[in-house]
Amino acid sequence: MLHNIAPGTVIALTGPMGSGKTAFVQGLARGLGITEPITSPSFALVHEYEAQPPLFHVDLYRIDSSRELSLLAIEEYFEPAAITVIEWSERASEILPANTIEVSIRIAQDGSREFEVEPVQLTNAEATDE
């Protein structure tokens, strides 16, 4: 079981096609004790998985505009009792909450994967609004 990621955390995944974003979510789900197959929600846009805490897997690959994003109301999945993972999160950068962890995945020349993990930084104006 996974105990190090707190409920309410949003994980923003970025990386090129085939870099391993869905594989990352599969590993996270396994750590949460989820045994059902984890697939990319490219067409459904969101998959919900029962666990403690619940896991919401969002894929924004097909989203082309902020108008489309606003119609999806992705913010509803930023629940304090769940973990939300967003593939192609750069398409939602303007709505990511303060408790977001950004995970950038790169494919190295030898085919291995390189991960960079960091919290999303708030501007001073955003930090004082909370």
N, C-alpha and C. Protein backbone atom coordinates (compact mmCIF):
# COMPACT_ATOMS: atom_id res chain seq x y z
N MET A 1 0.83 -1.19 0.00
CA MET A 1 0.00 0.00 0.00
C MET A 1 0.87 1.25 0.00
N LEU A 2 0.35 2.30 -0.60
CA LEU A 2 1.05 3.57 -0.72
C LEU A 2 0.62 4.48 0.43
N HIS A 3 1.58 5.05 1.13
CA HIS A 3 1.24 5.89 2.27
C HIS A 3 1.88 7.27 2.21
N ASN A 4 2.64 7.57 1.19
CA ASN A 4 3.40 8.82 1.16
C ASN A 4 2.74 9.95 0.40
N ILE A 5 1.71 9.68 -0.38
CA ILE A 5 1.01 10.74 -1.10
C ILE A 5 -0.29 11.00 -0.38
N ALA A 6 -0.45 12.21 0.09
CA ALA A 6 -1.61 12.55 0.90
C ALA A 6 -2.87 12.71 0.05
N PRO A 7 -4.02 12.31 0.59
CA PRO A 7 -5.27 12.62 -0.10
C PRO A 7 -5.35 14.13 -0.35
N GLY A 8 -5.92 14.50 -1.47
CA GLY A 8 -6.00 15.90 -1.86
C GLY A 8 -4.88 16.32 -2.78
N THR A 9 -3.91 15.44 -2.99
CA THR A 9 -2.79 15.75 -3.87
C THR A 9 -3.19 15.61 -5.33
N VAL A 10 -2.72 16.53 -6.15
CA VAL A 10 -2.89 16.46 -7.59
C VAL A 10 -1.49 16.24 -8.18
N ILE A 11 -1.37 15.25 -9.05
CA ILE A 11 -0.10 14.97 -9.71
C ILE A 11 -0.28 15.34 -11.18
N ALA A 12 0.52 16.30 -11.63
CA ALA A 12 0.46 16.81 -13.00
C ALA A 12 1.57 16.14 -13.81
N LEU A 13 1.19 15.28 -14.75
CA LEU A 13 2.17 14.56 -15.56
C LEU A 13 2.37 15.25 -16.91
N THR A 14 3.63 15.45 -17.27
CA THR A 14 3.97 15.96 -18.59
C THR A 14 5.02 15.06 -19.20
N GLY A 15 5.04 15.03 -20.51
CA GLY A 15 6.03 14.23 -21.23
C GLY A 15 5.49 13.89 -22.60
N PRO A 16 6.38 13.54 -23.52
CA PRO A 16 5.93 13.24 -24.88
C PRO A 16 5.13 11.94 -24.94
N MET A 17 4.45 11.75 -26.04
CA MET A 17 3.71 10.51 -26.29
C MET A 17 4.67 9.33 -26.12
N GLY A 18 4.23 8.33 -25.37
CA GLY A 18 5.04 7.14 -25.17
C GLY A 18 6.08 7.24 -24.07
N SER A 19 6.06 8.33 -23.31
CA SER A 19 7.09 8.51 -22.28
C SER A 19 6.82 7.70 -21.02
N GLY A 20 5.59 7.27 -20.83
CA GLY A 20 5.31 6.45 -19.65
C GLY A 20 4.34 7.09 -18.66
N LYS A 21 3.56 8.06 -19.10
CA LYS A 21 2.62 8.70 -18.18
C LYS A 21 1.60 7.70 -17.65
N THR A 22 1.01 6.91 -18.53
CA THR A 22 0.03 5.92 -18.08
C THR A 22 0.71 4.84 -17.24
N ALA A 23 1.92 4.45 -17.58
CA ALA A 23 2.65 3.46 -16.78
C ALA A 23 2.90 4.01 -15.37
N PHE A 24 3.15 5.30 -15.26
CA PHE A 24 3.31 5.94 -13.94
C PHE A 24 2.03 5.77 -13.14
N VAL A 25 0.89 6.04 -13.77
CA VAL A 25 -0.40 5.91 -13.08
C VAL A 25 -0.66 4.45 -12.70
N GLN A 26 -0.27 3.52 -13.57
CA GLN A 26 -0.44 2.11 -13.25
C GLN A 26 0.34 1.74 -11.98
N GLY A 27 1.55 2.24 -11.86
CA GLY A 27 2.36 1.98 -10.67
C GLY A 27 1.76 2.61 -9.43
N LEU A 28 1.27 3.83 -9.56
CA LEU A 28 0.62 4.51 -8.45
C LEU A 28 -0.61 3.73 -8.00
N ALA A 29 -1.41 3.30 -8.97
CA ALA A 29 -2.62 2.54 -8.65
C ALA A 29 -2.27 1.24 -7.93
N ARG A 30 -1.23 0.57 -8.40
CA ARG A 30 -0.79 -0.65 -7.74
C ARG A 30 -0.42 -0.36 -6.29
N GLY A 31 0.27 0.76 -6.07
CA GLY A 31 0.65 1.15 -4.72
C GLY A 31 -0.54 1.46 -3.83
N LEU A 32 -1.65 1.86 -4.44
CA LEU A 32 -2.88 2.13 -3.69
C LEU A 32 -3.71 0.87 -3.48
N GLY A 33 -3.23 -0.26 -4.02
CA GLY A 33 -3.94 -1.51 -3.86
C GLY A 33 -5.01 -1.77 -4.92
N ILE A 34 -5.00 -0.98 -5.99
CA ILE A 34 -5.97 -1.17 -7.08
C ILE A 34 -5.50 -2.32 -7.95
N THR A 35 -6.34 -3.30 -8.15
CA THR A 35 -5.95 -4.49 -8.91
C THR A 35 -6.56 -4.53 -10.31
N GLU A 36 -7.55 -3.69 -10.58
CA GLU A 36 -8.16 -3.70 -11.92
C GLU A 36 -7.20 -3.07 -12.93
N PRO A 37 -7.35 -3.40 -14.21
CA PRO A 37 -6.46 -2.82 -15.23
C PRO A 37 -6.59 -1.30 -15.31
N ILE A 38 -5.46 -0.63 -15.41
CA ILE A 38 -5.43 0.82 -15.54
C ILE A 38 -5.09 1.14 -16.98
N THR A 39 -6.00 1.84 -17.66
CA THR A 39 -5.77 2.23 -19.05
C THR A 39 -5.93 3.74 -19.15
N SER A 40 -5.38 4.30 -20.21
CA SER A 40 -5.46 5.73 -20.41
C SER A 40 -6.91 6.13 -20.73
N PRO A 41 -7.43 7.14 -20.05
CA PRO A 41 -8.79 7.58 -20.33
C PRO A 41 -8.85 8.62 -21.46
N SER A 42 -8.12 8.38 -22.54
CA SER A 42 -8.04 9.35 -23.63
C SER A 42 -9.40 9.74 -24.19
N PHE A 43 -10.33 8.80 -24.29
CA PHE A 43 -11.63 9.11 -24.85
C PHE A 43 -12.67 9.38 -23.77
N ALA A 44 -12.58 8.69 -22.65
CA ALA A 44 -13.50 8.94 -21.54
C ALA A 44 -13.12 10.21 -20.78
N LEU A 45 -11.87 10.60 -20.87
CA LEU A 45 -11.24 11.75 -20.21
C LEU A 45 -10.96 11.54 -18.73
N VAL A 46 -11.80 10.78 -18.02
CA VAL A 46 -11.55 10.53 -16.59
C VAL A 46 -11.94 9.09 -16.27
N HIS A 47 -11.06 8.40 -15.55
CA HIS A 47 -11.40 7.10 -14.96
C HIS A 47 -11.32 7.27 -13.45
N GLU A 48 -12.28 6.70 -12.76
CA GLU A 48 -12.30 6.74 -11.30
C GLU A 48 -12.07 5.34 -10.77
N TYR A 49 -11.21 5.23 -9.75
CA TYR A 49 -10.88 3.93 -9.16
C TYR A 49 -11.13 3.97 -7.67
N GLU A 50 -11.80 2.94 -7.18
CA GLU A 50 -12.07 2.81 -5.75
C GLU A 50 -10.80 2.35 -5.04
N ALA A 51 -10.41 3.10 -4.05
CA ALA A 51 -9.25 2.78 -3.22
C ALA A 51 -9.34 3.69 -2.00
N GLN A 52 -8.39 3.55 -1.11
CA GLN A 52 -8.28 4.45 0.03
C GLN A 52 -6.93 5.13 -0.04
N PRO A 53 -6.80 6.34 -0.51
CA PRO A 53 -7.86 7.21 -1.03
C PRO A 53 -8.24 6.84 -2.46
N PRO A 54 -9.41 7.32 -2.93
CA PRO A 54 -9.80 7.08 -4.33
C PRO A 54 -8.79 7.72 -5.28
N LEU A 55 -8.72 7.17 -6.50
CA LEU A 55 -7.82 7.68 -7.52
C LEU A 55 -8.63 8.14 -8.72
N PHE A 56 -8.40 9.39 -9.14
CA PHE A 56 -9.00 9.92 -10.36
C PHE A 56 -7.89 10.06 -11.38
N HIS A 57 -8.06 9.44 -12.54
CA HIS A 57 -7.06 9.47 -13.61
C HIS A 57 -7.64 10.26 -14.76
N VAL A 58 -7.06 11.44 -15.03
CA VAL A 58 -7.54 12.37 -16.05
C VAL A 58 -6.55 12.40 -17.20
N ASP A 59 -7.05 12.41 -18.43
CA ASP A 59 -6.20 12.50 -19.61
C ASP A 59 -6.71 13.64 -20.48
N LEU A 60 -5.89 14.67 -20.65
CA LEU A 60 -6.30 15.86 -21.41
C LEU A 60 -5.72 15.90 -22.81
N TYR A 61 -5.27 14.76 -23.32
CA TYR A 61 -4.65 14.72 -24.65
C TYR A 61 -5.54 15.32 -25.73
N ARG A 62 -6.82 15.05 -25.69
CA ARG A 62 -7.74 15.51 -26.73
C ARG A 62 -8.28 16.92 -26.50
N ILE A 63 -7.87 17.58 -25.43
CA ILE A 63 -8.37 18.92 -25.13
C ILE A 63 -7.52 19.95 -25.87
N ASP A 64 -8.18 20.81 -26.65
CA ASP A 64 -7.46 21.77 -27.47
C ASP A 64 -7.57 23.22 -27.02
N SER A 65 -8.51 23.53 -26.13
CA SER A 65 -8.70 24.93 -25.77
C SER A 65 -9.12 25.07 -24.31
N SER A 66 -8.94 26.27 -23.78
CA SER A 66 -9.36 26.53 -22.41
C SER A 66 -10.88 26.46 -22.29
N ARG A 67 -11.58 26.74 -23.40
CA ARG A 67 -13.05 26.63 -23.39
C ARG A 67 -13.45 25.17 -23.18
N GLU A 68 -12.83 24.25 -23.90
CA GLU A 68 -13.12 22.83 -23.72
C GLU A 68 -12.80 22.39 -22.29
N LEU A 69 -11.69 22.88 -21.78
CA LEU A 69 -11.28 22.54 -20.42
C LEU A 69 -12.32 23.01 -19.41
N SER A 70 -12.81 24.23 -19.58
CA SER A 70 -13.80 24.76 -18.64
C SER A 70 -15.09 23.96 -18.69
N LEU A 71 -15.46 23.45 -19.85
CA LEU A 71 -16.68 22.64 -19.97
C LEU A 71 -16.56 21.31 -19.24
N LEU A 72 -15.34 20.82 -19.10
CA LEU A 72 -15.11 19.54 -18.43
C LEU A 72 -15.22 19.63 -16.92
N ALA A 73 -15.01 20.81 -16.36
CA ALA A 73 -15.06 21.03 -14.91
C ALA A 73 -14.11 20.07 -14.18
N ILE A 74 -12.89 19.99 -14.65
CA ILE A 74 -11.89 19.11 -14.06
C ILE A 74 -11.66 19.42 -12.58
N GLU A 75 -11.87 20.67 -12.20
CA GLU A 75 -11.66 21.08 -10.81
C GLU A 75 -12.50 20.25 -9.84
N GLU A 76 -13.60 19.67 -10.31
CA GLU A 76 -14.44 18.84 -9.45
C GLU A 76 -13.70 17.60 -8.97
N TYR A 77 -12.65 17.22 -9.67
CA TYR A 77 -11.86 16.05 -9.28
C TYR A 77 -10.72 16.40 -8.32
N PHE A 78 -10.56 17.66 -7.99
CA PHE A 78 -9.53 18.06 -7.02
C PHE A 78 -10.11 17.94 -5.62
N GLU A 79 -10.49 16.74 -5.24
CA GLU A 79 -11.15 16.49 -3.97
C GLU A 79 -10.14 16.28 -2.85
N PRO A 80 -10.44 16.79 -1.68
CA PRO A 80 -9.52 16.62 -0.56
C PRO A 80 -9.35 15.17 -0.11
N ALA A 81 -10.29 14.29 -0.45
CA ALA A 81 -10.20 12.91 -0.01
C ALA A 81 -9.64 11.97 -1.07
N ALA A 82 -9.21 12.50 -2.23
CA ALA A 82 -8.75 11.66 -3.33
C ALA A 82 -7.38 12.09 -3.82
N ILE A 83 -6.77 11.25 -4.64
CA ILE A 83 -5.56 11.61 -5.38
C ILE A 83 -5.97 11.73 -6.84
N THR A 84 -5.59 12.83 -7.46
CA THR A 84 -5.92 13.06 -8.86
C THR A 84 -4.64 13.14 -9.67
N VAL A 85 -4.58 12.35 -10.75
CA VAL A 85 -3.43 12.37 -11.64
C VAL A 85 -3.91 12.85 -13.00
N ILE A 86 -3.20 13.83 -13.57
CA ILE A 86 -3.60 14.43 -14.84
C ILE A 86 -2.49 14.23 -15.87
N GLU A 87 -2.78 13.45 -16.91
CA GLU A 87 -1.86 13.32 -18.04
C GLU A 87 -2.08 14.51 -18.97
N TRP A 88 -1.01 14.97 -19.60
CA TRP A 88 -1.03 16.16 -20.47
C TRP A 88 -1.50 17.38 -19.66
N SER A 89 -1.00 17.49 -18.45
CA SER A 89 -1.44 18.53 -17.51
C SER A 89 -1.09 19.95 -17.96
N GLU A 90 -0.15 20.08 -18.89
CA GLU A 90 0.20 21.43 -19.37
C GLU A 90 -1.02 22.11 -20.01
N ARG A 91 -2.02 21.33 -20.40
CA ARG A 91 -3.23 21.89 -20.99
C ARG A 91 -4.19 22.43 -19.93
N ALA A 92 -3.85 22.24 -18.66
CA ALA A 92 -4.68 22.72 -17.56
C ALA A 92 -3.88 23.52 -16.56
N SER A 93 -2.73 24.03 -16.96
CA SER A 93 -1.83 24.68 -16.00
C SER A 93 -2.49 25.84 -15.25
N GLU A 94 -3.44 26.51 -15.88
CA GLU A 94 -4.06 27.67 -15.23
C GLU A 94 -5.03 27.28 -14.13
N ILE A 95 -5.41 26.00 -14.02
CA ILE A 95 -6.37 25.62 -12.99
C ILE A 95 -5.80 24.68 -11.94
N LEU A 96 -4.52 24.34 -12.04
CA LEU A 96 -3.94 23.41 -11.08
C LEU A 96 -3.90 24.03 -9.69
N PRO A 97 -4.29 23.27 -8.66
CA PRO A 97 -4.29 23.81 -7.30
C PRO A 97 -2.90 23.87 -6.69
N ALA A 98 -2.81 24.50 -5.54
CA ALA A 98 -1.53 24.69 -4.86
C ALA A 98 -0.89 23.38 -4.42
N ASN A 99 -1.68 22.35 -4.20
CA ASN A 99 -1.16 21.07 -3.71
C ASN A 99 -0.77 20.14 -4.86
N THR A 100 -0.34 20.71 -5.98
CA THR A 100 0.03 19.92 -7.16
C THR A 100 1.51 19.56 -7.12
N ILE A 101 1.78 18.34 -7.49
CA ILE A 101 3.16 17.88 -7.69
C ILE A 101 3.33 17.67 -9.19
N GLU A 102 4.32 18.33 -9.77
CA GLU A 102 4.56 18.18 -11.20
C GLU A 102 5.61 17.11 -11.43
N VAL A 103 5.26 16.15 -12.31
CA VAL A 103 6.18 15.08 -12.68
C VAL A 103 6.40 15.17 -14.19
N SER A 104 7.61 15.53 -14.57
CA SER A 104 7.97 15.60 -15.99
C SER A 104 8.76 14.35 -16.34
N ILE A 105 8.35 13.69 -17.42
CA ILE A 105 9.01 12.47 -17.86
C ILE A 105 9.66 12.73 -19.21
N ARG A 106 10.94 12.38 -19.31
CA ARG A 106 11.67 12.51 -20.57
C ARG A 106 12.21 11.15 -20.98
N ILE A 107 12.29 10.95 -22.29
CA ILE A 107 12.88 9.72 -22.82
C ILE A 107 14.34 10.03 -23.13
N ALA A 108 15.24 9.33 -22.44
CA ALA A 108 16.68 9.54 -22.66
C ALA A 108 17.09 8.89 -23.98
N GLN A 109 18.27 9.25 -24.46
CA GLN A 109 18.75 8.70 -25.74
C GLN A 109 18.85 7.19 -25.73
N ASP A 110 19.11 6.61 -24.57
CA ASP A 110 19.22 5.15 -24.49
C ASP A 110 17.86 4.47 -24.31
N GLY A 111 16.78 5.27 -24.32
CA GLY A 111 15.43 4.72 -24.20
C GLY A 111 14.91 4.65 -22.77
N SER A 112 15.78 4.89 -21.80
CA SER A 112 15.33 4.90 -20.41
C SER A 112 14.51 6.16 -20.15
N ARG A 113 13.89 6.23 -19.01
CA ARG A 113 13.06 7.38 -18.65
C ARG A 113 13.75 8.18 -17.55
N GLU A 114 13.66 9.50 -17.67
CA GLU A 114 14.17 10.42 -16.66
C GLU A 114 12.99 11.17 -16.08
N PHE A 115 12.92 11.23 -14.77
CA PHE A 115 11.81 11.89 -14.07
C PHE A 115 12.32 13.11 -13.33
N GLU A 116 11.57 14.18 -13.42
CA GLU A 116 11.82 15.37 -12.62
C GLU A 116 10.55 15.64 -11.84
N VAL A 117 10.66 15.70 -10.52
CA VAL A 117 9.50 15.87 -9.65
C VAL A 117 9.68 17.15 -8.85
N GLU A 118 8.65 18.00 -8.89
CA GLU A 118 8.71 19.23 -8.11
C GLU A 118 7.31 19.76 -7.86
N PRO A 119 7.13 20.49 -6.76
CA PRO A 119 5.83 21.11 -6.52
C PRO A 119 5.63 22.27 -7.49
N VAL A 120 4.39 22.51 -7.86
CA VAL A 120 4.07 23.66 -8.70
C VAL A 120 4.29 24.91 -7.85
N GLN A 121 4.96 25.87 -8.41
CA GLN A 121 5.25 27.11 -7.69
C GLN A 121 4.14 28.12 -7.88
N LEU A 122 3.68 28.70 -6.77
CA LEU A 122 2.68 29.76 -6.85
C LEU A 122 3.36 31.10 -6.95
N THR A 123 2.74 32.03 -7.67
CA THR A 123 3.24 33.40 -7.68
C THR A 123 2.88 34.03 -6.34
N ASN A 124 3.47 35.16 -6.02
CA ASN A 124 3.17 35.84 -4.76
C ASN A 124 1.70 36.19 -4.65
N ALA A 125 1.09 36.63 -5.75
CA ALA A 125 -0.33 36.98 -5.73
C ALA A 125 -1.19 35.76 -5.42
N GLU A 126 -0.86 34.62 -6.01
CA GLU A 126 -1.63 33.41 -5.76
C GLU A 126 -1.45 32.94 -4.33
N ALA A 127 -0.25 33.03 -3.80
CA ALA A 127 0.02 32.57 -2.45
C ALA A 127 -0.71 33.41 -1.42
N THR A 128 -0.90 34.70 -1.65
CA THR A 128 -1.59 35.54 -0.67
C THR A 128 -3.09 35.41 -0.75
N ASP A 129 -3.62 34.86 -1.85
CA ASP A 129 -5.06 34.66 -2.00
C ASP A 129 -5.57 33.53 -1.13
N GLU A 130 -4.70 32.64 -0.69
CA GLU A 130 -5.14 31.46 0.05
C GLU A 130 -5.16 31.70 1.53
